[in-house]
Protein backbone atom coordinates (compact mmCIF):
# COMPACT_ATOMS: atom_id res chain seq x y z
CA MET A 1 0.00 0.00 0.00
CA PRO A 2 1.30 3.50 -0.82
CA ALA A 3 2.46 5.51 2.21
CA GLU A 4 0.14 8.29 3.40
CA ALA A 5 3.13 10.65 3.44
CA PRO A 6 6.65 10.23 2.06
CA ILE A 7 9.08 8.56 4.45
CA TYR A 8 11.86 10.79 3.07
CA ASP A 9 11.27 14.16 1.42
CA ARG A 10 14.34 13.86 -0.82
CA VAL A 11 16.30 10.71 -1.69
CA ALA A 12 19.65 10.76 -3.49
CA LEU A 13 20.69 7.65 -5.41
CA ILE A 14 24.43 7.47 -6.13
CA GLY A 15 24.74 4.95 -8.95
CA LEU A 16 21.85 4.15 -11.27
CA GLY A 17 22.03 0.44 -11.98
CA LEU A 18 19.68 -2.45 -11.25
CA ILE A 19 19.29 -1.91 -7.50
CA ALA A 20 19.05 1.88 -7.48
CA GLY A 21 16.75 1.89 -10.51
CA SER A 22 14.47 -0.66 -8.89
CA MET A 23 14.49 1.36 -5.66
CA SER A 24 13.40 4.45 -7.57
CA LEU A 25 10.56 2.64 -9.31
CA ALA A 26 9.43 0.96 -6.08
CA MET A 27 9.59 4.27 -4.19
CA ARG A 28 7.31 5.80 -6.78
CA ARG A 29 4.95 2.84 -6.53
CA GLY A 30 4.69 3.29 -2.77
CA ARG A 31 5.00 7.10 -2.79
CA LEU A 32 7.84 6.78 -0.30
CA ALA A 33 9.87 9.80 -1.43
CA GLY A 34 8.95 13.38 -2.22
CA GLU A 35 11.74 13.72 -4.79
CA ILE A 36 14.29 11.23 -6.10
CA VAL A 37 17.59 12.65 -7.35
CA GLY A 38 20.10 10.43 -9.10
CA THR A 39 23.60 10.47 -10.49
CA ALA A 40 26.10 8.03 -11.97
CA ARG A 41 29.78 8.17 -12.87
CA SER A 42 29.09 7.46 -16.56
CA ALA A 43 27.62 10.25 -18.68
CA GLU A 44 25.97 7.58 -20.83
CA THR A 45 24.19 6.16 -17.79
CA ARG A 46 23.03 9.61 -16.75
CA ASP A 47 21.71 10.29 -20.27
CA ILE A 48 19.77 7.01 -20.33
CA ALA A 49 18.33 7.71 -16.87
CA ARG A 50 17.11 11.12 -18.08
CA GLU A 51 15.71 9.61 -21.28
CA ILE A 52 13.64 6.96 -19.49
CA GLY A 53 12.68 9.15 -16.52
CA LEU A 54 14.25 6.74 -14.05
CA VAL A 55 14.39 9.40 -11.33
CA ASP A 56 12.85 12.85 -10.91
CA ARG A 57 16.12 14.67 -11.48
CA VAL A 58 19.52 13.56 -12.78
CA VAL A 59 22.62 15.55 -11.83
CA ASP A 60 26.23 15.20 -12.89
CA THR A 61 28.02 14.69 -9.56
CA ALA A 62 27.45 12.87 -6.29
CA ALA A 63 28.20 16.08 -4.38
CA GLU A 64 25.35 17.84 -6.16
CA ALA A 65 22.98 14.89 -5.73
CA VAL A 66 23.17 14.79 -1.93
CA VAL A 67 22.40 18.46 -1.30
CA ASP A 68 19.37 18.64 1.06
CA ALA A 69 18.79 14.88 0.73
CA ASP A 70 17.23 13.15 3.73
CA LEU A 71 18.37 9.71 2.52
CA VAL A 72 21.51 9.02 0.50
CA VAL A 73 21.90 5.55 -1.03
CA LEU A 74 25.36 4.45 -2.13
CA ALA A 75 24.65 2.03 -4.99
CA VAL A 76 28.15 1.80 -6.42
CA PRO A 77 30.68 -1.07 -6.39
CA VAL A 78 32.19 -1.66 -2.97
CA GLY A 79 35.61 -0.61 -4.25
CA ALA A 80 34.27 2.84 -5.13
CA MET A 81 32.50 3.51 -1.81
CA ALA A 82 35.35 5.30 -0.04
CA ALA A 83 35.92 7.83 -2.83
CA VAL A 84 32.19 8.57 -3.11
CA ALA A 85 31.85 8.98 0.67
CA GLU A 86 34.76 11.40 0.72
CA GLU A 87 33.22 13.43 -2.12
CA ILE A 88 29.77 13.76 -0.57
CA ALA A 89 30.79 14.25 3.08
CA PRO A 90 31.01 18.09 3.04
CA HIS A 91 27.61 18.37 1.34
CA LEU A 92 25.51 16.08 3.57
CA LYS A 93 22.54 17.59 5.36
CA PRO A 94 22.62 17.37 9.19
CA GLY A 95 20.24 14.63 10.30
CA ALA A 96 20.39 12.85 6.95
CA THR A 97 20.81 9.08 6.69
CA VAL A 98 23.51 7.53 4.50
CA THR A 99 23.01 3.90 3.57
CA ASP A 100 24.30 1.51 0.94
CA VAL A 101 23.28 -1.65 -0.92
CA GLY A 102 26.66 -3.40 -0.97
CA SER A 103 27.01 -7.18 -0.81
CA VAL A 104 29.64 -6.99 1.94
CA LYS A 105 29.34 -4.94 5.07
CA ARG A 106 32.56 -4.85 7.12
CA ALA A 107 34.54 -3.42 4.20
CA VAL A 108 31.83 -0.84 3.50
CA ILE A 109 31.79 0.26 7.15
CA ASP A 110 35.57 0.61 7.14
CA ALA A 111 35.54 2.54 3.84
CA VAL A 112 32.57 4.85 4.40
CA GLY A 113 32.35 5.28 8.17
CA PRO A 114 35.39 7.55 8.64
CA HIS A 115 33.98 10.07 6.16
CA ILE A 116 30.51 10.45 7.71
CA PRO A 117 30.31 13.77 9.58
CA GLU A 118 28.91 14.21 13.06
CA GLY A 119 25.11 14.50 13.02
CA VAL A 120 24.65 12.30 9.93
CA HIS A 121 23.35 8.75 10.43
CA PHE A 122 25.27 5.95 8.69
CA ILE A 123 23.21 2.75 8.47
CA PRO A 124 24.56 0.09 6.08
CA ALA A 125 22.07 -2.27 4.41
CA HIS A 126 21.97 -5.07 1.88
CA PRO A 127 18.89 -6.02 -0.14
CA LEU A 128 19.08 -9.73 -1.01
CA ALA A 129 17.62 -9.31 -4.46
CA GLY A 130 18.97 -9.02 -7.96
CA THR A 131 19.18 -10.44 -11.44
CA GLU A 132 22.05 -11.03 -13.85
CA HIS A 133 21.14 -7.77 -15.61
CA SER A 134 22.77 -4.41 -14.92
CA GLY A 135 22.51 -0.81 -16.02
CA PRO A 136 19.82 1.88 -15.81
CA ARG A 137 17.32 0.00 -17.98
CA SER A 138 17.43 -3.16 -15.86
CA GLY A 139 15.39 -2.07 -12.84
CA PHE A 140 11.78 -2.97 -12.07
CA ALA A 141 9.46 -1.98 -9.22
CA THR A 142 8.78 -5.49 -7.91
CA LEU A 143 12.43 -6.57 -7.49
CA PHE A 144 12.29 -6.40 -3.68
CA ASP A 145 8.82 -7.86 -3.16
CA ASN A 146 8.97 -10.70 -0.62
CA ARG A 147 12.78 -10.53 -0.54
CA TRP A 148 14.91 -9.75 2.49
CA CYS A 149 16.88 -6.60 3.22
CA LEU A 150 19.46 -6.92 5.99
CA ILE A 151 20.02 -3.76 8.02
CA VAL A 152 23.46 -3.56 9.63
CA PRO A 153 23.54 -0.71 12.17
CA VAL A 154 26.94 0.54 13.28
CA GLU A 155 27.89 1.23 16.87
CA GLY A 156 25.77 4.07 18.22
CA SER A 157 23.26 4.06 15.34
CA ASP A 158 20.21 6.21 16.08
CA ARG A 159 17.27 3.85 16.61
CA ASP A 160 14.74 6.24 15.09
CA ALA A 161 16.87 6.53 11.95
CA VAL A 162 17.19 2.74 11.78
CA ALA A 163 13.41 2.31 12.16
CA ARG A 164 12.81 4.86 9.41
CA LEU A 165 15.16 3.07 7.01
CA GLU A 166 13.53 -0.28 7.81
CA ALA A 167 10.11 1.26 7.13
CA MET A 168 11.38 2.45 3.75
CA TRP A 169 12.62 -1.03 2.81
CA GLN A 170 9.36 -2.56 3.96
CA GLY A 171 7.56 0.00 1.80
CA LEU A 172 9.67 -1.22 -1.13
CA GLY A 173 8.17 -4.68 -0.55
CA ALA A 174 11.01 -6.30 1.40
CA HIS A 175 11.14 -8.11 4.71
CA THR A 176 13.79 -6.65 7.01
CA ASP A 177 16.11 -8.03 9.66
CA GLU A 178 19.10 -6.65 11.54
CA MET A 179 22.47 -8.36 11.56
CA ASP A 180 26.02 -7.77 12.76
CA ALA A 181 28.45 -6.89 9.96
CA ASP A 182 30.84 -9.81 10.40
CA HIS A 183 28.03 -12.35 10.69
CA HIS A 184 26.42 -10.84 7.58
CA ASP A 185 29.63 -11.34 5.61
CA LEU A 186 29.88 -14.98 6.69
CA VAL A 187 26.22 -15.72 5.90
CA LEU A 188 26.52 -14.11 2.47
CA ALA A 189 29.72 -16.02 1.76
CA VAL A 190 27.59 -19.16 2.10
CA THR A 191 24.40 -18.04 0.38
CA SER A 192 25.73 -15.81 -2.39
CA HIS A 193 29.46 -15.17 -2.74
CA THR A 194 30.78 -18.73 -2.93
CA PRO A 195 27.92 -19.95 -5.18
CA HIS A 196 28.76 -17.14 -7.60
CA LEU A 197 32.43 -18.09 -7.58
CA ILE A 198 31.52 -21.72 -8.25
CA ALA A 199 29.25 -20.64 -11.10
CA TYR A 200 32.01 -18.58 -12.69
CA THR A 201 34.35 -21.57 -12.31
CA MET A 202 31.91 -24.07 -13.85
CA VAL A 203 31.33 -21.88 -16.88
CA GLY A 204 35.10 -21.45 -17.17
CA VAL A 205 35.60 -25.23 -17.01
CA ALA A 206 33.09 -25.73 -19.83
CA ASP A 207 34.96 -23.15 -21.88
CA ASP A 208 38.31 -24.82 -21.20
CA LEU A 209 37.09 -28.35 -21.94
CA ARG A 210 37.79 -28.30 -25.65
CA ARG A 211 36.32 -31.78 -26.11
CA VAL A 212 32.96 -30.04 -25.70
CA THR A 213 32.54 -27.44 -28.41
CA ASP A 214 31.06 -24.01 -27.81
CA SER A 215 28.03 -24.87 -29.93
CA GLU A 216 27.36 -28.02 -27.89
CA VAL A 217 27.58 -26.14 -24.58
CA ILE A 218 25.07 -23.58 -25.83
CA LYS A 219 22.79 -25.94 -27.73
CA TYR A 220 22.56 -28.72 -25.14
CA SER A 221 22.64 -26.70 -21.93
CA ALA A 222 20.60 -28.56 -19.34
CA ALA A 223 18.86 -26.82 -16.47
CA GLY A 224 21.86 -26.91 -14.12
CA PHE A 225 24.27 -25.36 -16.59
CA ARG A 226 21.68 -22.76 -17.66
CA ASP A 227 21.43 -21.60 -14.06
CA PHE A 228 25.23 -21.53 -13.75
CA THR A 229 25.50 -19.30 -16.83
CA ARG A 230 22.74 -17.02 -15.54
CA ILE A 231 24.60 -16.46 -12.28
CA ALA A 232 27.96 -16.08 -14.03
CA ALA A 233 26.53 -13.30 -16.21
CA SER A 234 26.42 -10.98 -13.18
CA ASP A 235 28.31 -7.68 -13.14
CA PRO A 236 32.07 -8.43 -13.10
CA THR A 237 33.11 -5.20 -11.35
CA MET A 238 30.73 -5.79 -8.46
CA TRP A 239 31.82 -9.41 -8.00
CA ARG A 240 35.51 -8.60 -8.24
CA ASP A 241 35.05 -6.16 -5.37
CA VAL A 242 32.95 -8.61 -3.36
CA PHE A 243 35.68 -11.26 -3.36
CA LEU A 244 38.47 -8.80 -2.63
CA THR A 245 36.58 -7.24 0.29
CA ASN A 246 35.04 -10.40 1.79
CA LYS A 247 38.21 -12.44 1.41
CA ASP A 248 38.36 -14.21 4.80
CA ALA A 249 34.75 -15.42 4.90
CA THR A 250 34.79 -16.52 1.26
CA LEU A 251 38.04 -18.44 1.68
CA GLU A 252 36.66 -20.14 4.79
CA ILE A 253 33.54 -21.31 2.94
CA LEU A 254 35.57 -22.32 -0.12
CA GLY A 255 37.72 -24.48 2.16
CA ARG A 256 34.61 -26.19 3.51
CA PHE A 257 33.28 -26.60 -0.03
CA THR A 258 36.54 -28.21 -1.12
CA GLU A 259 36.33 -30.70 1.75
CA GLU A 260 32.76 -31.63 0.80
CA LEU A 261 33.76 -31.95 -2.85
CA PHE A 262 36.61 -34.31 -1.99
CA ALA A 263 34.20 -36.44 0.09
CA LEU A 264 31.82 -36.68 -2.86
CA GLN A 265 34.70 -37.54 -5.21
CA ARG A 266 35.68 -40.37 -2.88
CA ALA A 267 32.09 -41.65 -2.70
CA ILE A 268 31.84 -41.69 -6.50
CA ARG A 269 35.25 -43.33 -6.90
CA THR A 270 34.45 -46.08 -4.38
CA GLY A 271 30.87 -46.58 -5.56
CA ASP A 272 29.38 -45.52 -2.21
CA GLY A 273 25.80 -45.05 -3.38
CA GLU A 274 24.44 -44.85 0.16
CA GLN A 275 26.55 -41.80 1.01
CA LEU A 276 25.58 -40.07 -2.24
CA PHE A 277 21.87 -40.82 -1.69
CA ASP A 278 21.96 -39.55 1.92
CA TYR A 279 23.85 -36.39 0.92
CA PHE A 280 21.47 -35.56 -1.92
CA THR A 281 18.44 -36.26 0.29
CA HIS A 282 19.72 -33.80 2.88
CA THR A 283 20.48 -31.07 0.35
CA ARG A 284 17.13 -31.59 -1.37
CA ALA A 285 15.43 -30.81 1.96
CA ILE A 286 17.30 -27.50 2.12
CA ARG A 287 15.99 -26.62 -1.35
CA ARG A 288 12.45 -27.42 -0.22
CA GLY A 289 12.98 -25.12 2.75
CA ILE A 290 13.90 -22.25 0.42
CA ILE A 291 10.68 -22.78 -1.54
CA GLU A 292 8.58 -23.03 1.63
CA ALA A 293 10.09 -19.76 2.87
CA GLY A 294 8.74 -18.07 -0.27
CA GLN A 295 12.19 -17.25 -1.64
CA ASP A 296 11.75 -19.20 -4.90
CA THR A 297 9.31 -21.48 -6.66
CA ASP A 298 9.45 -25.14 -7.60
CA ALA A 299 7.98 -24.31 -11.01
CA PRO A 300 10.43 -24.55 -13.95
CA ASP A 301 11.68 -21.03 -14.64
CA PHE A 302 15.07 -21.44 -16.19
CA GLY A 303 14.67 -18.39 -18.39
CA ARG A 304 14.14 -16.15 -15.34
CA VAL A 305 11.98 -13.74 -17.31
CA LYS A 306 12.11 -10.25 -15.84
CA PRO A 307 8.70 -9.10 -14.53
CA GLU A 308 6.98 -6.40 -16.52
């Protein structure tokens, strides 16, 4: 349901890709913002955003975008966060909230936190939603519906500001929960970061295995490989930064994955069908749990058609 009054009078979106574009469209749907101002590093992106009316006003710099903004959303790659925070710091309105949508949180806190002036609220966040598409044309208003957004308050975060940001994410259609930064990074290493790395690796293996031609890989892709290629099509800049900034947690989970993989290799080599059956039964139950939690569907949807 649309809000009776905007939660924020002016919102500044720094970066105009899939997440920020979807936020803008969902904010309009719920009438959550009085005005939405946007900017992006690329002039081409800014021109497209103006052309399609992605936000109410497009400006050329982040410093200009944040003037008088009540909410500032950093929707840029994690590796660019520090430079953006330094640029906008002198122009932030007292009492404003600065948040982000980055896939890692400890690195964002370390990069952005030192630049946030006294009297401005810094509340990191991470919406667990996305597609393999990127750019200003990729957003859609329903991206966050029934998804989760994790709010990661820093030490001393103002509780009213946190509640306001949570209300905004709920207005965008998301469920919200709060989480400590380090625990967030470990959880996401399991649920997102390592699966993406495995997907990139599997697609790379198929490319390297010259006994399987490119045409065969494309023509005969079964459901599993189709999903691998969908995940591996994600934005390379974002994922490069994710792995460089969540190194410890990702390496820990990769180590565990390697151990499990070796155990499965041994079971296959020795013909241990009972171990394979038990393992697959257990993991199948986890998949059913994801469906029952409303985070996916058991219907075939390998094309992952973007909602209108």
